[in-house]
N, C-alpha and C. Protein backbone atom coordinates (compact mmCIF):
# COMPACT_ATOMS: atom_id res chain seq x y z
N MET A 1 -23.41 38.02 3.64
CA MET A 1 -23.03 37.05 2.62
C MET A 1 -24.27 36.71 1.79
N SER A 2 -24.05 36.58 0.53
CA SER A 2 -25.17 36.29 -0.38
C SER A 2 -25.65 34.86 -0.19
N LYS A 3 -26.82 34.60 -0.72
CA LYS A 3 -27.41 33.27 -0.65
C LYS A 3 -26.51 32.25 -1.36
N GLN A 4 -25.98 32.64 -2.52
CA GLN A 4 -25.09 31.75 -3.28
C GLN A 4 -23.81 31.49 -2.50
N GLY A 5 -23.30 32.53 -1.83
CA GLY A 5 -22.08 32.38 -1.04
C GLY A 5 -22.29 31.42 0.12
N LYS A 6 -23.44 31.52 0.76
CA LYS A 6 -23.75 30.62 1.88
C LYS A 6 -23.88 29.18 1.40
N LYS A 7 -24.52 28.99 0.26
CA LYS A 7 -24.67 27.64 -0.30
C LYS A 7 -23.31 27.04 -0.65
N ALA A 8 -22.46 27.87 -1.24
CA ALA A 8 -21.12 27.40 -1.60
C ALA A 8 -20.34 27.01 -0.35
N LEU A 9 -20.44 27.82 0.69
CA LEU A 9 -19.75 27.53 1.95
C LEU A 9 -20.30 26.24 2.57
N GLU A 10 -21.60 26.06 2.53
CA GLU A 10 -22.21 24.84 3.06
C GLU A 10 -21.74 23.61 2.30
N ARG A 11 -21.67 23.72 0.97
CA ARG A 11 -21.18 22.60 0.15
C ARG A 11 -19.72 22.30 0.47
N LYS A 12 -18.94 23.35 0.65
CA LYS A 12 -17.52 23.16 0.99
C LYS A 12 -17.39 22.44 2.32
N LEU A 13 -18.13 22.87 3.31
CA LEU A 13 -18.07 22.24 4.64
C LEU A 13 -18.55 20.79 4.58
N ALA A 14 -19.59 20.54 3.80
CA ALA A 14 -20.10 19.18 3.64
C ALA A 14 -19.06 18.29 2.97
N MET A 15 -18.36 18.84 1.98
CA MET A 15 -17.33 18.08 1.28
C MET A 15 -16.15 17.79 2.22
N GLU A 16 -15.77 18.77 3.01
CA GLU A 16 -14.68 18.56 3.96
C GLU A 16 -15.04 17.48 4.98
N GLU A 17 -16.27 17.48 5.43
CA GLU A 17 -16.73 16.45 6.38
C GLU A 17 -16.71 15.08 5.72
N LYS A 18 -17.15 15.01 4.47
CA LYS A 18 -17.14 13.74 3.73
C LYS A 18 -15.70 13.24 3.55
N ILE A 19 -14.78 14.15 3.28
CA ILE A 19 -13.37 13.77 3.14
C ILE A 19 -12.84 13.20 4.44
N LYS A 20 -13.17 13.84 5.56
CA LYS A 20 -12.74 13.33 6.87
C LYS A 20 -13.29 11.92 7.12
N GLU A 21 -14.57 11.73 6.79
CA GLU A 21 -15.18 10.42 6.95
C GLU A 21 -14.48 9.37 6.10
N MET A 22 -14.16 9.73 4.87
CA MET A 22 -13.50 8.79 3.96
C MET A 22 -12.09 8.48 4.44
N GLU A 23 -11.38 9.48 4.93
CA GLU A 23 -10.03 9.26 5.46
C GLU A 23 -10.07 8.32 6.65
N GLU A 24 -11.06 8.48 7.51
CA GLU A 24 -11.22 7.59 8.66
C GLU A 24 -11.52 6.17 8.22
N LYS A 25 -12.35 6.04 7.19
CA LYS A 25 -12.67 4.72 6.66
C LYS A 25 -11.42 4.05 6.07
N VAL A 26 -10.60 4.81 5.36
CA VAL A 26 -9.35 4.28 4.81
C VAL A 26 -8.46 3.80 5.95
N LYS A 27 -8.37 4.60 7.00
CA LYS A 27 -7.55 4.22 8.16
C LYS A 27 -8.05 2.92 8.77
N GLN A 28 -9.37 2.78 8.88
CA GLN A 28 -9.95 1.55 9.43
C GLN A 28 -9.64 0.35 8.55
N TYR A 29 -9.72 0.52 7.23
CA TYR A 29 -9.39 -0.57 6.31
C TYR A 29 -7.92 -0.97 6.43
N GLU A 30 -7.04 0.03 6.54
CA GLU A 30 -5.62 -0.26 6.69
C GLU A 30 -5.34 -1.01 7.98
N GLU A 31 -5.98 -0.59 9.07
CA GLU A 31 -5.78 -1.26 10.36
C GLU A 31 -6.29 -2.70 10.30
N ARG A 32 -7.44 -2.90 9.65
CA ARG A 32 -7.98 -4.26 9.52
C ARG A 32 -7.04 -5.13 8.69
N ALA A 33 -6.51 -4.58 7.62
CA ALA A 33 -5.58 -5.34 6.77
C ALA A 33 -4.33 -5.73 7.55
N GLU A 34 -3.82 -4.80 8.36
CA GLU A 34 -2.64 -5.11 9.17
C GLU A 34 -2.93 -6.23 10.17
N ARG A 35 -4.10 -6.18 10.81
CA ARG A 35 -4.46 -7.24 11.76
C ARG A 35 -4.58 -8.58 11.04
N GLU A 36 -5.22 -8.57 9.88
CA GLU A 36 -5.40 -9.81 9.13
C GLU A 36 -4.05 -10.38 8.69
N LEU A 37 -3.15 -9.51 8.25
CA LEU A 37 -1.82 -9.97 7.85
C LEU A 37 -1.07 -10.56 9.04
N GLY A 38 -1.19 -9.92 10.19
CA GLY A 38 -0.55 -10.44 11.39
C GLY A 38 -1.08 -11.81 11.76
N LYS A 39 -2.40 -11.97 11.70
CA LYS A 39 -3.02 -13.26 11.98
C LYS A 39 -2.53 -14.32 10.99
N TYR A 40 -2.43 -13.92 9.73
CA TYR A 40 -2.00 -14.85 8.69
C TYR A 40 -0.57 -15.32 8.95
N ILE A 41 0.31 -14.39 9.28
CA ILE A 41 1.70 -14.75 9.56
C ILE A 41 1.78 -15.71 10.73
N ILE A 42 1.07 -15.40 11.81
CA ILE A 42 1.10 -16.27 12.99
C ILE A 42 0.58 -17.67 12.63
N LYS A 43 -0.48 -17.72 11.85
CA LYS A 43 -1.05 -19.01 11.46
C LYS A 43 -0.08 -19.78 10.56
N GLN A 44 0.46 -19.10 9.54
CA GLN A 44 1.35 -19.77 8.59
C GLN A 44 2.66 -20.24 9.22
N TRP A 45 3.14 -19.49 10.19
CA TRP A 45 4.38 -19.87 10.87
C TRP A 45 4.13 -20.89 11.97
N GLY A 46 2.89 -21.21 12.21
CA GLY A 46 2.56 -22.21 13.21
C GLY A 46 2.86 -21.77 14.64
N VAL A 47 2.74 -20.49 14.90
CA VAL A 47 3.02 -19.97 16.23
C VAL A 47 1.87 -20.34 17.15
N LYS A 48 2.19 -21.03 18.23
CA LYS A 48 1.17 -21.43 19.19
C LYS A 48 1.16 -20.52 20.40
N ASP A 49 2.34 -20.04 20.77
CA ASP A 49 2.47 -19.24 21.99
C ASP A 49 2.69 -17.78 21.61
N THR A 50 1.65 -16.99 21.64
CA THR A 50 1.79 -15.58 21.26
C THR A 50 2.46 -14.75 22.36
N ASP A 51 2.78 -15.38 23.49
CA ASP A 51 3.52 -14.68 24.54
C ASP A 51 4.96 -14.41 24.09
N ASP A 52 5.40 -15.12 23.07
CA ASP A 52 6.76 -14.96 22.57
C ASP A 52 6.79 -13.93 21.44
N SER A 53 6.04 -12.84 21.59
CA SER A 53 5.94 -11.84 20.52
C SER A 53 7.28 -11.15 20.26
N GLU A 54 8.12 -11.03 21.28
CA GLU A 54 9.43 -10.39 21.08
C GLU A 54 10.24 -11.15 20.03
N THR A 55 10.20 -12.47 20.09
CA THR A 55 10.91 -13.29 19.10
C THR A 55 10.32 -13.07 17.72
N LEU A 56 9.00 -12.97 17.63
CA LEU A 56 8.36 -12.72 16.33
C LEU A 56 8.80 -11.38 15.76
N PHE A 57 8.86 -10.37 16.59
CA PHE A 57 9.33 -9.05 16.11
C PHE A 57 10.77 -9.15 15.62
N GLU A 58 11.61 -9.90 16.32
CA GLU A 58 13.00 -10.07 15.89
C GLU A 58 13.08 -10.77 14.54
N ILE A 59 12.26 -11.81 14.36
CA ILE A 59 12.24 -12.54 13.09
C ILE A 59 11.80 -11.62 11.96
N ILE A 60 10.74 -10.87 12.21
CA ILE A 60 10.25 -9.94 11.18
C ILE A 60 11.32 -8.92 10.83
N ASP A 61 12.01 -8.39 11.84
CA ASP A 61 13.09 -7.43 11.58
C ASP A 61 14.21 -8.07 10.76
N LEU A 62 14.53 -9.33 11.04
CA LEU A 62 15.57 -10.02 10.28
C LEU A 62 15.17 -10.25 8.83
N LEU A 63 13.90 -10.47 8.60
CA LEU A 63 13.41 -10.75 7.25
C LEU A 63 13.02 -9.49 6.47
N LYS A 64 13.05 -8.34 7.12
CA LYS A 64 12.57 -7.10 6.53
C LYS A 64 13.24 -6.77 5.20
N ASP A 65 14.57 -6.79 5.16
CA ASP A 65 15.27 -6.43 3.93
C ASP A 65 14.97 -7.41 2.79
N GLU A 66 14.91 -8.69 3.13
CA GLU A 66 14.59 -9.70 2.12
C GLU A 66 13.17 -9.49 1.59
N ALA A 67 12.24 -9.20 2.49
CA ALA A 67 10.85 -8.96 2.07
C ALA A 67 10.76 -7.74 1.17
N LYS A 68 11.47 -6.68 1.52
CA LYS A 68 11.45 -5.47 0.69
C LYS A 68 11.98 -5.76 -0.71
N LYS A 69 13.04 -6.56 -0.78
CA LYS A 69 13.62 -6.90 -2.08
C LYS A 69 12.61 -7.71 -2.91
N ILE A 70 11.97 -8.68 -2.27
CA ILE A 70 10.97 -9.49 -2.98
C ILE A 70 9.83 -8.62 -3.48
N LEU A 71 9.35 -7.73 -2.62
CA LEU A 71 8.26 -6.84 -3.02
C LEU A 71 8.67 -5.92 -4.16
N LYS A 72 9.89 -5.43 -4.10
CA LYS A 72 10.39 -4.56 -5.17
C LYS A 72 10.49 -5.35 -6.49
N ASP A 73 11.03 -6.56 -6.40
CA ASP A 73 11.14 -7.40 -7.59
C ASP A 73 9.77 -7.73 -8.16
N LYS A 74 8.83 -8.04 -7.30
CA LYS A 74 7.46 -8.38 -7.73
C LYS A 74 6.81 -7.19 -8.41
N SER A 75 6.96 -5.99 -7.84
CA SER A 75 6.34 -4.82 -8.44
C SER A 75 7.00 -4.49 -9.78
N GLY A 76 8.29 -4.75 -9.89
CA GLY A 76 8.99 -4.56 -11.17
C GLY A 76 8.51 -5.55 -12.21
N ASP A 77 8.28 -6.79 -11.78
CA ASP A 77 7.77 -7.81 -12.70
C ASP A 77 6.37 -7.46 -13.18
N MET A 78 5.56 -6.93 -12.29
CA MET A 78 4.19 -6.59 -12.68
C MET A 78 4.20 -5.43 -13.66
N GLY A 79 5.10 -4.50 -13.49
CA GLY A 79 5.19 -3.38 -14.42
C GLY A 79 5.61 -3.84 -15.80
N LYS A 80 6.51 -4.84 -15.85
CA LYS A 80 6.97 -5.35 -17.14
C LYS A 80 5.88 -6.10 -17.87
N SER A 81 5.05 -6.84 -17.13
CA SER A 81 4.01 -7.62 -17.79
C SER A 81 2.89 -6.74 -18.32
N GLU A 82 2.78 -5.52 -17.79
CA GLU A 82 1.75 -4.61 -18.25
C GLU A 82 2.15 -3.85 -19.51
N GLU A 83 3.44 -3.85 -19.80
CA GLU A 83 3.93 -3.09 -20.95
C GLU A 83 3.55 -3.73 -22.26
């Protein structure tokens, strides 16, 4: 393999490694955001006993469709204001 070919391969491998690192960082940010949102919900709902997590999951499941509708409406409103 030529010198240029080796350099190109090295750059490609370095870029692939950087992509993996960035993907891992994105995953870490997403996990942190999920934890923070969970903490926020527990705090805002005034939950004192986290042993009752099954009830919390049931409540979240019951509110899921309503939350999706609100999020969809909000994203639609934001698109309109940008026009």
